[in-house]
Amino acid sequence: MTMNEVFIEKNKVINYIDLLMNNLSQIKDDTGEFLLNFDGLVVDDKSWNVWNWPQGVGLYGIFKYWRLTNNEKALNIITNWFKNRFEEGVPPKNVNTMAPLLTLAFLYEETNDKTFIPYLENWAKWVMYEMPRTKENGLQHMTYGPENKNQLWDDTLMMTVLPLAKIGKVFNKPEYIEEAKKQFLIHIKYLSDRKTGLWFHGWTFEENHNYAGALWGRGNCWITIAIPEMIEILDLKEGDFFRDFLLDTLNRQVEALAEYQDVSGLWHTLINDKTSYLEASATAGFAYGILKSVHKRYIGQEYMEVAYKGIQGIIKEISEDGALQKVSVGTGMGDSLDFYKEIKTTTMPYGQSLAVLCLSEFLHSYI
């Protein structure tokens, strides 16, 4: 599939991004249906004005769009979000609340706003020296609620390790960079499936297994995003062993993704299970990671067709009010494959967030 076959005008893509940003920056949970209650600790995964991972992913997508287009509205959304959250006071530190620090590090690099420095330094030091570890010193997937003791999850690389790597680069902290590299290696060791090249959702050192063995869509998409981001953040050169190792891992995953893509352009929530529903947030993540990797020549140009099909599928799922449809709600670790099939779908901020991310990368196709 060529760009001409996708046939969507640049201004229409920009309009979609604008719609998605509007929805994202106004979304809230009016009913309380999607509030998570952990023994009295209430976590809101749906609203924009919350410091958590869905908002962190959204900020990053909007930042990418701003840096490409210099769109003032995009910059205002980001700066206002941080200003308001700083005034409210930062939340407890965990894997997911670390996610906004990635955009903050990039924003500091662009603006040199010294007020960002204490946040960046304190949160990175927490990851390095206080965050709970698994056996072999992996970063334990510590979130609100359950301890997740001795557990590795796909999400950790996107939400915590990328921010650590970027902060290490910005502040010239080689020990942060080396730690980030090690985390990628340990997660690859225990989460990538040698048979398919796809990734399991999680691993437990308590019982030494990958739970249901679920090759879960959104968990996999964090990897498709995180690997090219890591290579770019660290500016890894050709011939660097770590770069080569990451690219081998990425190529195996993308090869499998191309095989399992649905004719609609979307992927199933369990990638290798056609009886599971089609899920759009994972698709947006795959489209972004594959498209960026093609643009950067990390993977073969033949995968452009896969990315374009994914983009077409995503565009069809954007509603008139700028919400991405077919998005699974927050998903914990499942002990059965049916667990993933039964997760509800609704509009969630990370749907809009990932759609902004992939459509922003798609704009490079017009350059």
Foldseek 3Di string as FASTA:
>chain_A
DDPVVLDDDLVVLVVLLVLLVVCLLAWFDPPCPQWDQFPNDTDGQFHQLAQWQLVLLQLVLLLLLCVVPVDPVSVCSNVVSVVVCVVVPQDDDFLTSQSNLLSLLVVCVVPVPVVSVVVLVVNLVCQVPPADAAPVGARQRQDPHDRSHNKDFLSSLNRPLSSQCLSCLSVVPVVSNVVSLVNVVVLCVQFQDPVQLAGQGMAHPVVGDSQASFSFQQSRLSLLQRLVSSCVSVVDDPPPVSNVVSLVSNQSRLVNQVVQQDQQLFAFRRRNDPVAHTALLSLLSNLLSQLVCCVVVSDDVVCPVSSSSSLNSQVVQQDPSSFGWRHFRDDDRHNHPVSSSPGDTDTGSSSSSSNSNNSSSVSVVVD
